[in-house]
Amino acid sequence: MVEQLPSDLYRLALADRSTVLAHVSDRRQNDFLRLLPGDKVEVRLSPQDRRRGRIIRRVQA
């Protein structure tokens, strides 16, 4: 994760050096998932727009 944006959006850097805007999935919002810049997360990209995605979970480094 690169930065936290307003309205619960996050800017993520992918392994291929592209950037994506993502939000936390509904299931994880109820778990009070705290994300900080530098965390590694698993993201599912939207099939319609590859610049948008949903954060599924935080990956332990």
Protein backbone atom coordinates (compact mmCIF):
# COMPACT_ATOMS: atom_id res chain seq x y z
CA MET A 1 0.00 0.00 0.00
CA VAL A 2 1.36 3.39 -0.98
CA GLU A 3 -1.06 5.87 0.61
CA GLN A 4 -4.42 6.21 2.32
CA LEU A 5 -6.90 8.52 0.59
CA PRO A 6 -10.18 10.06 1.81
CA SER A 7 -13.43 8.04 1.69
CA ASP A 8 -11.71 4.75 2.65
CA LEU A 9 -9.77 4.52 -0.61
CA TYR A 10 -6.19 3.30 -0.83
CA ARG A 11 -3.56 3.71 -3.54
CA LEU A 12 -1.70 0.45 -4.11
CA ALA A 13 1.44 -0.34 -6.08
CA LEU A 14 1.32 -3.72 -7.82
CA ALA A 15 4.23 -6.03 -8.55
CA ASP A 16 4.32 -4.84 -12.20
CA ARG A 17 4.80 -1.23 -10.94
CA SER A 18 1.29 -0.06 -11.89
CA THR A 19 -0.92 1.77 -9.41
CA VAL A 20 -4.49 0.88 -8.46
CA LEU A 21 -7.21 2.57 -6.41
CA ALA A 22 -8.83 0.10 -4.03
CA HIS A 23 -11.30 -0.05 -1.18
CA VAL A 24 -11.67 -2.60 1.62
CA SER A 25 -14.19 -5.37 0.94
CA ASP A 26 -17.43 -5.29 2.95
CA ARG A 27 -16.48 -8.42 4.85
CA ARG A 28 -13.20 -6.89 6.06
CA GLN A 29 -14.68 -3.52 7.03
CA ASN A 30 -16.54 -5.24 9.87
CA ASP A 31 -13.25 -6.74 11.14
CA PHE A 32 -11.77 -3.25 11.74
CA LEU A 33 -8.86 -3.95 9.43
CA ARG A 34 -6.22 -1.26 10.00
CA LEU A 35 -4.00 -0.64 7.00
CA LEU A 36 -0.87 1.47 7.08
CA PRO A 37 1.39 2.59 4.22
CA GLY A 38 3.91 -0.15 3.53
CA ASP A 39 1.53 -3.04 4.32
CA LYS A 40 1.26 -5.84 1.81
CA VAL A 41 -2.32 -6.70 0.84
CA GLU A 42 -4.12 -9.12 -1.45
CA VAL A 43 -6.28 -7.27 -3.96
CA ARG A 44 -8.89 -8.46 -6.46
CA LEU A 45 -9.00 -6.26 -9.57
CA SER A 46 -12.24 -5.27 -11.23
CA PRO A 47 -12.84 -7.02 -14.56
CA GLN A 48 -14.30 -3.82 -16.07
CA ASP A 49 -11.60 -1.37 -14.94
CA ARG A 50 -8.11 -2.69 -14.15
CA ARG A 51 -7.26 0.54 -12.29
CA ARG A 52 -9.80 -0.23 -9.52
CA GLY A 53 -9.84 -3.07 -7.01
CA ARG A 54 -10.98 -4.48 -3.70
CA ILE A 55 -8.67 -5.29 -0.79
CA ILE A 56 -9.35 -8.86 0.31
CA ARG A 57 -6.87 -9.26 3.16
CA ARG A 58 -3.55 -8.12 4.58
CA VAL A 59 -0.64 -10.45 3.87
CA GLN A 60 1.81 -11.22 6.67
CA ALA A 61 5.34 -10.34 5.55
